[in-house]
Amino acid sequence: MFEDETAVAWRAMPYRAVVVAADGSEVGTAESLLADDKEDIFHGIVVKRGRGGSPLEIPAVRIKKITEKHVVTDLTEADVSALSPYREQHWFHLGWGGLFRKHPEWDETSRT
């Protein structure tokens, strides 16, 4: 899916990229990156579903490819319906408008 588009790293994900399910149907738009920029760890994205939709979290493990225009997931419609609502935690602003947060369970002492 979207083989003609160039794959990019999570840091280069375009702001408000279209997020698609496994079948290619549109899930919503990517509003923010969830990551620990300092540790270079990608946790996922915040996606907004349609006009007035509440933001939802998509964990990194469910994201299969990021291109210059799309975020491709392995989600089904049932998976999308079961996504957790996004809860703002500790945010870090970075450049293009994306926001980063430090995952609350991670700290300097938990690294192995």
PDB file of N, CA and C in Angstrom:
ATOM      1  N   MET A   1       0.840  -1.171   0.000  1.00  0.00           N
ATOM      2  CA  MET A   1       0.000   0.000   0.000  1.00  0.00           C
ATOM      3  C   MET A   1       0.891   1.242   0.000  1.00  0.00           C
ATOM      4  N   PHE A   2       0.613   2.170  -0.895  1.00  0.00           N
ATOM      5  CA  PHE A   2       1.355   3.420  -1.046  1.00  0.00           C
ATOM      6  C   PHE A   2       2.832   3.167  -1.379  1.00  0.00           C
ATOM      7  N   GLU A   3       3.090   2.122  -2.183  1.00  0.00           N
ATOM      8  CA  GLU A   3       4.454   1.783  -2.563  1.00  0.00           C
ATOM      9  C   GLU A   3       5.132   2.890  -3.348  1.00  0.00           C
ATOM     10  N   ASP A   4       4.355   3.745  -4.019  1.00  0.00           N
ATOM     11  CA  ASP A   4       4.949   4.822  -4.810  1.00  0.00           C
ATOM     12  C   ASP A   4       5.382   6.010  -3.953  1.00  0.00           C
ATOM     13  N   GLU A   5       5.072   5.980  -2.651  1.00  0.00           N
ATOM     14  CA  GLU A   5       5.462   7.060  -1.748  1.00  0.00           C
ATOM     15  C   GLU A   5       6.738   6.677  -1.001  1.00  0.00           C
ATOM     16  N   THR A   6       7.552   7.675  -0.733  1.00  0.00           N
ATOM     17  CA  THR A   6       8.805   7.457  -0.035  1.00  0.00           C
ATOM     18  C   THR A   6       8.547   7.250   1.454  1.00  0.00           C
ATOM     19  N   ALA A   7       9.098   6.170   1.990  1.00  0.00           N
ATOM     20  CA  ALA A   7       9.002   5.924   3.434  1.00  0.00           C
ATOM     21  C   ALA A   7       9.914   6.913   4.149  1.00  0.00           C
ATOM     22  N   VAL A   8       9.447   7.399   5.314  1.00  0.00           N
ATOM     23  CA  VAL A   8      10.228   8.347   6.110  1.00  0.00           C
ATOM     24  C   VAL A   8      10.303   7.858   7.548  1.00  0.00           C
ATOM     25  N   ALA A   9      11.270   8.373   8.286  1.00  0.00           N
ATOM     26  CA  ALA A   9      11.407   8.055   9.711  1.00  0.00           C
ATOM     27  C   ALA A   9      10.311   8.761  10.497  1.00  0.00           C
ATOM     28  N   TRP A  10      10.076   8.296  11.714  1.00  0.00           N
ATOM     29  CA  TRP A  10       8.997   8.884  12.531  1.00  0.00           C
ATOM     30  C   TRP A  10       9.209  10.365  12.753  1.00  0.00           C
ATOM     31  N   ARG A  11      10.440  10.817  12.857  1.00  0.00           N
ATOM     32  CA  ARG A  11      10.721  12.248  13.064  1.00  0.00           C
ATOM     33  C   ARG A  11      10.342  13.093  11.855  1.00  0.00           C
ATOM     34  N   ALA A  12      10.236  12.491  10.701  1.00  0.00           N
ATOM     35  CA  ALA A  12       9.903  13.211   9.472  1.00  0.00           C
ATOM     36  C   ALA A  12       8.439  13.051   9.075  1.00  0.00           C
ATOM     37  N   MET A  13       7.624  12.445   9.937  1.00  0.00           N
ATOM     38  CA  MET A  13       6.207  12.273   9.620  1.00  0.00           C
ATOM     39  C   MET A  13       5.562  13.630   9.371  1.00  0.00           C
ATOM     40  N   PRO A  14       4.860  13.788   8.249  1.00  0.00           N
ATOM     41  CA  PRO A  14       4.231  15.069   7.972  1.00  0.00           C
ATOM     42  C   PRO A  14       3.101  15.373   8.951  1.00  0.00           C
ATOM     43  N   TYR A  15       3.005  16.626   9.339  1.00  0.00           N
ATOM     44  CA  TYR A  15       1.924  17.084  10.207  1.00  0.00           C
ATOM     45  C   TYR A  15       0.590  16.880   9.510  1.00  0.00           C
ATOM     46  N   ARG A  16      -0.348  16.311  10.209  1.00  0.00           N
ATOM     47  CA  ARG A  16      -1.692  16.008   9.722  1.00  0.00           C
ATOM     48  C   ARG A  16      -1.688  15.053   8.529  1.00  0.00           C
ATOM     49  N   ALA A  17      -0.767  14.108   8.546  1.00  0.00           N
ATOM     50  CA  ALA A  17      -0.752  13.061   7.529  1.00  0.00           C
ATOM     51  C   ALA A  17      -2.024  12.225   7.671  1.00  0.00           C
ATOM     52  N   VAL A  18      -2.504  11.707   6.566  1.00  0.00           N
ATOM     53  CA  VAL A  18      -3.676  10.835   6.585  1.00  0.00           C
ATOM     54  C   VAL A  18      -3.266   9.489   7.176  1.00  0.00           C
ATOM     55  N   VAL A  19      -4.030   9.023   8.159  1.00  0.00           N
ATOM     56  CA  VAL A  19      -3.782   7.730   8.798  1.00  0.00           C
ATOM     57  C   VAL A  19      -4.776   6.740   8.207  1.00  0.00           C
ATOM     58  N   VAL A  20      -4.255   5.586   7.766  1.00  0.00           N
ATOM     59  CA  VAL A  20      -5.119   4.595   7.130  1.00  0.00           C
ATOM     60  C   VAL A  20      -5.073   3.257   7.863  1.00  0.00           C
ATOM     61  N   ALA A  21      -6.184   2.537   7.778  1.00  0.00           N
ATOM     62  CA  ALA A  21      -6.308   1.194   8.360  1.00  0.00           C
ATOM     63  C   ALA A  21      -5.649   0.182   7.421  1.00  0.00           C
ATOM     64  N   ALA A  22      -5.622  -1.054   7.844  1.00  0.00           N
ATOM     65  CA  ALA A  22      -4.999  -2.131   7.066  1.00  0.00           C
ATOM     66  C   ALA A  22      -5.630  -2.289   5.680  1.00  0.00           C
ATOM     67  N   ASP A  23      -6.926  -2.001   5.567  1.00  0.00           N
ATOM     68  CA  ASP A  23      -7.614  -2.137   4.282  1.00  0.00           C
ATOM     69  C   ASP A  23      -7.523  -0.878   3.417  1.00  0.00           C
ATOM     70  N   GLY A  24      -6.794   0.143   3.885  1.00  0.00           N
ATOM     71  CA  GLY A  24      -6.631   1.380   3.135  1.00  0.00           C
ATOM     72  C   GLY A  24      -7.664   2.447   3.425  1.00  0.00           C
ATOM     73  N   SER A  25      -8.655   2.119   4.250  1.00  0.00           N
ATOM     74  CA  SER A  25      -9.672   3.117   4.589  1.00  0.00           C
ATOM     75  C   SER A  25      -9.089   4.160   5.538  1.00  0.00           C
ATOM     76  N   GLU A  26      -9.579   5.388   5.417  1.00  0.00           N
ATOM     77  CA  GLU A  26      -9.060   6.485   6.226  1.00  0.00           C
ATOM     78  C   GLU A  26      -9.537   6.383   7.674  1.00  0.00           C
ATOM     79  N   VAL A  27      -8.587   6.469   8.594  1.00  0.00           N
ATOM     80  CA  VAL A  27      -8.872   6.439  10.034  1.00  0.00           C
ATOM     81  C   VAL A  27      -9.030   7.857  10.558  1.00  0.00           C
ATOM     82  N   GLY A  28      -8.193   8.778  10.085  1.00  0.00           N
ATOM     83  CA  GLY A  28      -8.202  10.162  10.535  1.00  0.00           C
ATOM     84  C   GLY A  28      -6.912  10.840  10.136  1.00  0.00           C
ATOM     85  N   THR A  29      -6.536  11.887  10.896  1.00  0.00           N
ATOM     86  CA  THR A  29      -5.292  12.595  10.615  1.00  0.00           C
ATOM     87  C   THR A  29      -4.375  12.557  11.824  1.00  0.00           C
ATOM     88  N   ALA A  30      -3.092  12.471  11.548  1.00  0.00           N
ATOM     89  CA  ALA A  30      -2.086  12.455  12.608  1.00  0.00           C
ATOM     90  C   ALA A  30      -1.926  13.871  13.135  1.00  0.00           C
ATOM     91  N   GLU A  31      -2.187  14.035  14.424  1.00  0.00           N
ATOM     92  CA  GLU A  31      -2.105  15.356  15.036  1.00  0.00           C
ATOM     93  C   GLU A  31      -0.812  15.556  15.813  1.00  0.00           C
ATOM     94  N   SER A  32      -0.253  14.500  16.383  1.00  0.00           N
ATOM     95  CA  SER A  32       0.964  14.622  17.185  1.00  0.00           C
ATOM     96  C   SER A  32       1.734  13.313  17.193  1.00  0.00           C
ATOM     97  N   LEU A  33       3.024  13.437  17.382  1.00  0.00           N
ATOM     98  CA  LEU A  33       3.889  12.286  17.606  1.00  0.00           C
ATOM     99  C   LEU A  33       4.002  12.062  19.108  1.00  0.00           C
ATOM    100  N   LEU A  34       4.030  10.808  19.521  1.00  0.00           N
ATOM    101  CA  LEU A  34       4.249  10.456  20.916  1.00  0.00           C
ATOM    102  C   LEU A  34       5.599   9.771  20.991  1.00  0.00           C
ATOM    103  N   ALA A  35       6.543  10.426  21.629  1.00  0.00           N
ATOM    104  CA  ALA A  35       7.904   9.908  21.620  1.00  0.00           C
ATOM    105  C   ALA A  35       8.726  10.527  22.732  1.00  0.00           C
ATOM    106  N   ASP A  36       9.846   9.918  22.980  1.00  0.00           N
ATOM    107  CA  ASP A  36      10.856  10.480  23.855  1.00  0.00           C
ATOM    108  C   ASP A  36      11.977  10.920  22.915  1.00  0.00           C
ATOM    109  N   ASP A  37      11.994  12.192  22.599  1.00  0.00           N
ATOM    110  CA  ASP A  37      12.953  12.721  21.642  1.00  0.00           C
ATOM    111  C   ASP A  37      14.385  12.519  22.117  1.00  0.00           C
ATOM    112  N   LYS A  38      14.639  12.760  23.375  1.00  0.00           N
ATOM    113  CA  LYS A  38      15.988  12.638  23.935  1.00  0.00           C
ATOM    114  C   LYS A  38      16.522  11.209  23.789  1.00  0.00           C
ATOM    115  N   GLU A  39      15.671  10.228  24.039  1.00  0.00           N
ATOM    116  CA  GLU A  39      16.076   8.820  23.965  1.00  0.00           C
ATOM    117  C   GLU A  39      15.841   8.206  22.579  1.00  0.00           C
ATOM    118  N   ASP A  40      15.254   8.987  21.655  1.00  0.00           N
ATOM    119  CA  ASP A  40      14.958   8.530  20.297  1.00  0.00           C
ATOM    120  C   ASP A  40      14.060   7.285  20.311  1.00  0.00           C
ATOM    121  N   ILE A  41      12.979   7.369  21.095  1.00  0.00           N
ATOM    122  CA  ILE A  41      12.036   6.256  21.193  1.00  0.00           C
ATOM    123  C   ILE A  41      10.669   6.728  20.727  1.00  0.00           C
ATOM    124  N   PHE A  42      10.144   6.058  19.715  1.00  0.00           N
ATOM    125  CA  PHE A  42       8.838   6.368  19.140  1.00  0.00           C
ATOM    126  C   PHE A  42       7.779   5.530  19.841  1.00  0.00           C
ATOM    127  N   HIS A  43       6.805   6.193  20.470  1.00  0.00           N
ATOM    128  CA  HIS A  43       5.736   5.487  21.186  1.00  0.00           C
ATOM    129  C   HIS A  43       4.459   5.350  20.362  1.00  0.00           C
ATOM    130  N   GLY A  44       4.253   6.235  19.383  1.00  0.00           N
ATOM    131  CA  GLY A  44       3.040   6.184  18.578  1.00  0.00           C
ATOM    132  C   GLY A  44       2.617   7.569  18.139  1.00  0.00           C
ATOM    133  N   ILE A  45       1.325   7.690  17.799  1.00  0.00           N
ATOM    134  CA  ILE A  45       0.790   8.975  17.343  1.00  0.00           C
ATOM    135  C   ILE A  45      -0.556   9.243  17.997  1.00  0.00           C
ATOM    136  N   VAL A  46      -0.944  10.496  17.931  1.00  0.00           N
ATOM    137  CA  VAL A  46      -2.304  10.895  18.290  1.00  0.00           C
ATOM    138  C   VAL A  46      -3.021  11.131  16.971  1.00  0.00           C
ATOM    139  N   VAL A  47      -4.170  10.505  16.807  1.00  0.00           N
ATOM    140  CA  VAL A  47      -4.946  10.643  15.576  1.00  0.00           C
ATOM    141  C   VAL A  47      -6.308  11.250  15.914  1.00  0.00           C
ATOM    142  N   LYS A  48      -6.755  12.145  15.044  1.00  0.00           N
ATOM    143  CA  LYS A  48      -8.078  12.743  15.214  1.00  0.00           C
ATOM    144  C   LYS A  48      -8.984  12.190  14.131  1.00  0.00           C
ATOM    145  N   ARG A  49     -10.122  11.684  14.561  1.00  0.00           N
ATOM    146  CA  ARG A  49     -11.088  11.100  13.623  1.00  0.00           C
ATOM    147  C   ARG A  49     -12.134  12.119  13.247  1.00  0.00           C
ATOM    148  N   GLY A  50     -12.108  12.590  12.025  1.00  0.00           N
ATOM    149  CA  GLY A  50     -13.144  13.471  11.504  1.00  0.00           C
ATOM    150  C   GLY A  50     -13.348  14.758  12.283  1.00  0.00           C
ATOM    151  N   ARG A  51     -14.279  15.541  11.810  1.00  0.00           N
ATOM    152  CA  ARG A  51     -14.601  16.831  12.419  1.00  0.00           C
ATOM    153  C   ARG A  51     -15.215  16.625  13.797  1.00  0.00           C
ATOM    154  N   GLY A  52     -14.623  17.239  14.786  1.00  0.00           N
ATOM    155  CA  GLY A  52     -15.153  17.142  16.143  1.00  0.00           C
ATOM    156  C   GLY A  52     -14.837  15.837  16.849  1.00  0.00           C
ATOM    157  N   GLY A  53     -14.088  14.959  16.190  1.00  0.00           N
ATOM    158  CA  GLY A  53     -13.732  13.689  16.813  1.00  0.00           C
ATOM    159  C   GLY A  53     -12.704  13.884  17.913  1.00  0.00           C
ATOM    160  N   SER A  54     -12.773  13.036  18.915  1.00  0.00           N
ATOM    161  CA  SER A  54     -11.800  13.155  19.998  1.00  0.00           C
ATOM    162  C   SER A  54     -10.506  12.460  19.604  1.00  0.00           C
ATOM    163  N   PRO A  55      -9.372  12.952  20.108  1.00  0.00           N
ATOM    164  CA  PRO A  55      -8.088  12.345  19.763  1.00  0.00           C
ATOM    165  C   PRO A  55      -7.929  10.951  20.368  1.00  0.00           C
ATOM    166  N   LEU A  56      -7.314  10.069  19.597  1.00  0.00           N
ATOM    167  CA  LEU A  56      -7.062   8.690  20.017  1.00  0.00           C
ATOM    168  C   LEU A  56      -5.576   8.384  19.883  1.00  0.00           C
ATOM    169  N   GLU A  57      -5.092   7.452  20.690  1.00  0.00           N
ATOM    170  CA  GLU A  57      -3.693   7.027  20.613  1.00  0.00           C
ATOM    171  C   GLU A  57      -3.566   5.772  19.762  1.00  0.00           C
ATOM    172  N   ILE A  58      -2.597   5.787  18.871  1.00  0.00           N
ATOM    173  CA  ILE A  58      -2.234   4.584  18.124  1.00  0.00           C
ATOM    174  C   ILE A  58      -0.805   4.248  18.540  1.00  0.00           C
ATOM    175  N   PRO A  59      -0.607   3.103  19.209  1.00  0.00           N
ATOM    176  CA  PRO A  59       0.745   2.724  19.634  1.00  0.00           C
ATOM    177  C   PRO A  59       1.647   2.427  18.440  1.00  0.00           C
ATOM    178  N   ALA A  60       2.933   2.664  18.617  1.00  0.00           N
ATOM    179  CA  ALA A  60       3.914   2.466  17.549  1.00  0.00           C
ATOM    180  C   ALA A  60       3.871   1.058  16.963  1.00  0.00           C
ATOM    181  N   VAL A  61       3.607   0.068  17.784  1.00  0.00           N
ATOM    182  CA  VAL A  61       3.585  -1.319  17.317  1.00  0.00           C
ATOM    183  C   VAL A  61       2.506  -1.550  16.246  1.00  0.00           C
ATOM    184  N   ARG A  62       1.485  -0.703  16.210  1.00  0.00           N
ATOM    185  CA  ARG A  62       0.398  -0.841  15.226  1.00  0.00           C
ATOM    186  C   ARG A  62       0.664  -0.051  13.945  1.00  0.00           C
ATOM    187  N   ILE A  63       1.738   0.722  13.913  1.00  0.00           N
ATOM    188  CA  ILE A  63       2.085   1.518  12.734  1.00  0.00           C
ATOM    189  C   ILE A  63       3.098   0.739  11.907  1.00  0.00           C
ATOM    190  N   LYS A  64       2.719   0.443  10.677  1.00  0.00           N
ATOM    191  CA  LYS A  64       3.553  -0.396   9.814  1.00  0.00           C
ATOM    192  C   LYS A  64       4.440   0.397   8.868  1.00  0.00           C
ATOM    193  N   LYS A  65       4.025   1.617   8.526  1.00  0.00           N
ATOM    194  CA  LYS A  65       4.822   2.403   7.588  1.00  0.00           C
ATOM    195  C   LYS A  65       4.402   3.862   7.693  1.00  0.00           C
ATOM    196  N   ILE A  66       5.400   4.744   7.617  1.00  0.00           N
ATOM    197  CA  ILE A  66       5.138   6.176   7.543  1.00  0.00           C
ATOM    198  C   ILE A  66       5.737   6.647   6.230  1.00  0.00           C
ATOM    199  N   THR A  67       4.927   7.330   5.428  1.00  0.00           N
ATOM    200  CA  THR A  67       5.407   7.851   4.150  1.00  0.00           C
ATOM    201  C   THR A  67       5.336   9.373   4.183  1.00  0.00           C
ATOM    202  N   GLU A  68       5.687   9.973   3.067  1.00  0.00           N
ATOM    203  CA  GLU A  68       5.651  11.428   2.965  1.00  0.00           C
ATOM    204  C   GLU A  68       4.225  11.979   2.987  1.00  0.00           C
ATOM    205  N   LYS A  69       3.198  11.113   2.901  1.00  0.00           N
ATOM    206  CA  LYS A  69       1.801  11.567   2.897  1.00  0.00           C
ATOM    207  C   LYS A  69       0.880  10.781   3.829  1.00  0.00           C
ATOM    208  N   HIS A  70       1.257   9.566   4.197  1.00  0.00           N
ATOM    209  CA  HIS A  70       0.362   8.673   4.939  1.00  0.00           C
ATOM    210  C   HIS A  70       1.045   7.989   6.121  1.00  0.00           C
ATOM    211  N   VAL A  71       0.216   7.582   7.073  1.00  0.00           N
ATOM    212  CA  VAL A  71       0.644   6.696   8.145  1.00  0.00           C
ATOM    213  C   VAL A  71      -0.186   5.429   7.970  1.00  0.00           C
ATOM    214  N   VAL A  72       0.475   4.327   7.680  1.00  0.00           N
ATOM    215  CA  VAL A  72      -0.210   3.063   7.412  1.00  0.00           C
ATOM    216  C   VAL A  72      -0.171   2.214   8.684  1.00  0.00           C
ATOM    217  N   THR A  73      -1.354   1.750   9.100  1.00  0.00           N
ATOM    218  CA  THR A  73      -1.450   0.925  10.304  1.00  0.00           C
ATOM    219  C   THR A  73      -1.895  -0.485   9.935  1.00  0.00           C
ATOM    220  N   ASP A  74      -1.886  -1.364  10.927  1.00  0.00           N
ATOM    221  CA  ASP A  74      -2.418  -2.715  10.723  1.00  0.00           C
ATOM    222  C   ASP A  74      -3.798  -2.846  11.375  1.00  0.00           C
ATOM    223  N   LEU A  75      -4.433  -1.712  11.665  1.00  0.00           N
ATOM    224  CA  LEU A  75      -5.714  -1.707  12.382  1.00  0.00           C
ATOM    225  C   LEU A  75      -6.893  -2.096  11.497  1.00  0.00           C
ATOM    226  N   THR A  76      -7.832  -2.814  12.093  1.00  0.00           N
ATOM    227  CA  THR A  76      -9.127  -3.058  11.458  1.00  0.00           C
ATOM    228  C   THR A  76     -10.100  -2.008  11.991  1.00  0.00           C
ATOM    229  N   GLU A  77     -11.294  -1.947  11.442  1.00  0.00           N
ATOM    230  CA  GLU A  77     -12.302  -0.998  11.940  1.00  0.00           C
ATOM    231  C   GLU A  77     -12.622  -1.280  13.404  1.00  0.00           C
ATOM    232  N   ALA A  78     -12.688  -2.546  13.781  1.00  0.00           N
ATOM    233  CA  ALA A  78     -12.943  -2.907  15.183  1.00  0.00           C
ATOM    234  C   ALA A  78     -11.797  -2.441  16.082  1.00  0.00           C
ATOM    235  N   ASP A  79     -10.560  -2.573  15.599  1.00  0.00           N
ATOM    236  CA  ASP A  79      -9.400  -2.100  16.362  1.00  0.00           C
ATOM    237  C   ASP A  79      -9.471  -0.594  16.580  1.00  0.00           C
ATOM    238  N   VAL A  80      -9.843   0.135  15.530  1.00  0.00           N
ATOM    239  CA  VAL A  80      -9.941   1.596  15.622  1.00  0.00           C
ATOM    240  C   VAL A  80     -10.990   1.977  16.666  1.00  0.00           C
ATOM    241  N   SER A  81     -12.106   1.289  16.670  1.00  0.00           N
ATOM    242  CA  SER A  81     -13.172   1.573  17.640  1.00  0.00           C
ATOM    243  C   SER A  81     -12.720   1.309  19.070  1.00  0.00           C
ATOM    244  N   ALA A  82     -11.765   0.415  19.239  1.00  0.00           N
ATOM    245  CA  ALA A  82     -11.294   0.048  20.577  1.00  0.00           C
ATOM    246  C   ALA A  82     -10.075   0.861  21.045  1.00  0.00           C
ATOM    247  N   LEU A  83      -9.594   1.797  20.222  1.00  0.00           N
ATOM    248  CA  LEU A  83      -8.422   2.591  20.609  1.00  0.00           C
ATOM    249  C   LEU A  83      -8.702   3.419  21.858  1.00  0.00           C
ATOM    250  N   SER A  84      -7.660   3.609  22.651  1.00  0.00           N
ATOM    251  CA  SER A  84      -7.781   4.417  23.866  1.00  0.00           C
ATOM    252  C   SER A  84      -7.825   5.891  23.514  1.00  0.00           C
ATOM    253  N   PRO A  85      -8.645   6.653  24.240  1.00  0.00           N
ATOM    254  CA  PRO A  85      -8.620   8.100  24.037  1.00  0.00           C
ATOM    255  C   PRO A  85      -7.266   8.645  24.466  1.00  0.00           C
ATOM    256  N   TYR A  86      -6.842   9.689  23.805  1.00  0.00           N
ATOM    257  CA  TYR A  86      -5.567  10.293  24.147  1.00  0.00           C
ATOM    258  C   TYR A  86      -5.696  11.094  25.444  1.00  0.00           C
ATOM    259  N   ARG A  87      -4.722  10.903  26.336  1.00  0.00           N
ATOM    260  CA  ARG A  87      -4.650  11.680  27.578  1.00  0.00           C
ATOM    261  C   ARG A  87      -3.310  12.397  27.590  1.00  0.00           C
ATOM    262  N   GLU A  88      -3.362  13.711  27.638  1.00  0.00           N
ATOM    263  CA  GLU A  88      -2.131  14.490  27.624  1.00  0.00           C
ATOM    264  C   GLU A  88      -1.313  14.204  28.861  1.00  0.00           C
ATOM    265  N   GLN A  89      -0.025  14.005  28.646  1.00  0.00           N
ATOM    266  CA  GLN A  89       0.902  13.794  29.750  1.00  0.00           C
ATOM    267  C   GLN A  89       1.964  14.873  29.659  1.00  0.00           C
ATOM    268  N   HIS A  90       3.198  14.539  29.774  1.00  0.00           N
ATOM    269  CA  HIS A  90       4.258  15.533  29.708  1.00  0.00           C
ATOM    270  C   HIS A  90       4.669  15.755  28.255  1.00  0.00           C
ATOM    271  N   TRP A  91       4.521  16.958  27.774  1.00  0.00           N
ATOM    272  CA  TRP A  91       4.757  17.258  26.367  1.00  0.00           C
ATOM    273  C   TRP A  91       6.046  18.022  26.143  1.00  0.00           C
ATOM    274  N   PHE A  92       6.637  17.780  24.989  1.00  0.00           N
ATOM    275  CA  PHE A  92       7.782  18.545  24.517  1.00  0.00           C
ATOM    276  C   PHE A  92       7.465  18.998  23.102  1.00  0.00           C
ATOM    277  N   HIS A  93       7.628  20.285  22.831  1.00  0.00           N
ATOM    278  CA  HIS A  93       7.345  20.809  21.492  1.00  0.00           C
ATOM    279  C   HIS A  93       8.581  20.625  20.613  1.00  0.00           C
ATOM    280  N   LEU A  94       8.367  20.257  19.370  1.00  0.00           N
ATOM    281  CA  LEU A  94       9.491  20.098  18.452  1.00  0.00           C
ATOM    282  C   LEU A  94       9.091  20.567  17.066  1.00  0.00           C
ATOM    283  N   GLY A  95       9.703  21.604  16.612  1.00  0.00           N
ATOM    284  CA  GLY A  95       9.668  22.069  15.233  1.00  0.00           C
ATOM    285  C   GLY A  95       8.355  22.142  14.507  1.00  0.00           C
ATOM    286  N   TRP A  96       8.084  21.224  13.610  1.00  0.00           N
ATOM    287  CA  TRP A  96       7.031  21.329  12.617  1.00  0.00           C
ATOM    288  C   TRP A  96       5.626  21.408  13.171  1.00  0.00           C
ATOM    289  N   GLY A  97       5.447  21.315  14.434  1.00  0.00           N
ATOM    290  CA  GLY A  97       4.105  21.382  14.999  1.00  0.00           C
ATOM    291  C   GLY A  97       3.745  20.113  15.717  1.00  0.00           C
ATOM    292  N   GLY A  98       4.557  19.091  15.571  1.00  0.00           N
ATOM    293  CA  GLY A  98       4.305  17.860  16.305  1.00  0.00           C
ATOM    294  C   GLY A  98       4.712  18.052  17.750  1.00  0.00           C
ATOM    295  N   LEU A  99       4.180  17.251  18.589  1.00  0.00           N
ATOM    296  CA  LEU A  99       4.496  17.332  20.002  1.00  0.00           C
ATOM    297  C   LEU A  99       5.024  15.996  20.471  1.00  0.00           C
ATOM    298  N   PHE A 100       5.919  16.034  21.421  1.00  0.00           N
ATOM    299  CA  PHE A 100       6.521  14.831  21.956  1.00  0.00           C
ATOM    300  C   PHE A 100       6.257  14.753  23.444  1.00  0.00           C
ATOM    301  N   ARG A 101       6.110  13.575  23.967  1.00  0.00           N
ATOM    302  CA  ARG A 101       5.955  13.407  25.408  1.00  0.00           C
ATOM    303  C   ARG A 101       6.903  12.338  25.888  1.00  0.00           C
ATOM    304  N   LYS A 102       7.243  12.413  27.141  1.00  0.00           N
ATOM    305  CA  LYS A 102       8.073  11.374  27.735  1.00  0.00           C
ATOM    306  C   LYS A 102       7.129  10.370  28.363  1.00  0.00           C
ATOM    307  N   HIS A 103       7.255   9.117  27.970  1.00  0.00           N
ATOM    308  CA  HIS A 103       6.397   8.056  28.488  1.00  0.00           C
ATOM    309  C   HIS A 103       6.578   7.972  29.996  1.00  0.00           C
ATOM    310  N   PRO A 104       5.497   8.026  30.779  1.00  0.00           N
ATOM    311  CA  PRO A 104       5.632   8.134  32.236  1.00  0.00           C
ATOM    312  C   PRO A 104       6.294   6.950  32.924  1.00  0.00           C
ATOM    313  N   GLU A 105       6.253   5.766  32.352  1.00  0.00           N
ATOM    314  CA  GLU A 105       6.876   4.604  32.994  1.00  0.00           C
ATOM    315  C   GLU A 105       8.379   4.517  32.726  1.00  0.00           C
ATOM    316  N   TRP A 106       8.901   5.365  31.873  1.00  0.00           N
ATOM    317  CA  TRP A 106      10.302   5.301  31.523  1.00  0.00           C
ATOM    318  C   TRP A 106      11.067   6.363  32.291  1.00  0.00           C
ATOM    319  N   ASP A 107      12.157   5.971  32.904  1.00  0.00           N
ATOM    320  CA  ASP A 107      13.052   6.933  33.534  1.00  0.00           C
ATOM    321  C   ASP A 107      14.470   6.400  33.441  1.00  0.00           C
ATOM    322  N   GLU A 108      15.410   7.178  33.898  1.00  0.00           N
ATOM    323  CA  GLU A 108      16.811   6.771  33.782  1.00  0.00           C
ATOM    324  C   GLU A 108      17.126   5.458  34.470  1.00  0.00           C
ATOM    325  N   THR A 109      16.413   5.146  35.548  1.00  0.00           N
ATOM    326  CA  THR A 109      16.700   3.918  36.301  1.00  0.00           C
ATOM    327  C   THR A 109      16.068   2.681  35.693  1.00  0.00           C
ATOM    328  N   SER A 110      15.110   2.836  34.746  1.00  0.00           N
ATOM    329  CA  SER A 110      14.429   1.661  34.205  1.00  0.00           C
ATOM    330  C   SER A 110      15.108   1.097  32.970  1.00  0.00           C
ATOM    331  N   ARG A 111      16.148   1.780  32.472  1.00  0.00           N
ATOM    332  CA  ARG A 111      16.833   1.275  31.288  1.00  0.00           C
ATOM    333  C   ARG A 111      17.741   0.103  31.659  1.00  0.00           C
ATOM    334  N   THR A 112      17.777  -0.889  30.753  1.00  0.00           N
ATOM    335  CA  THR A 112      18.655  -2.046  30.989  1.00  0.00           C
ATOM    336  C   THR A 112      19.811  -2.041  30.041  1.00  0.00           C
TER     337      THR A 112
END
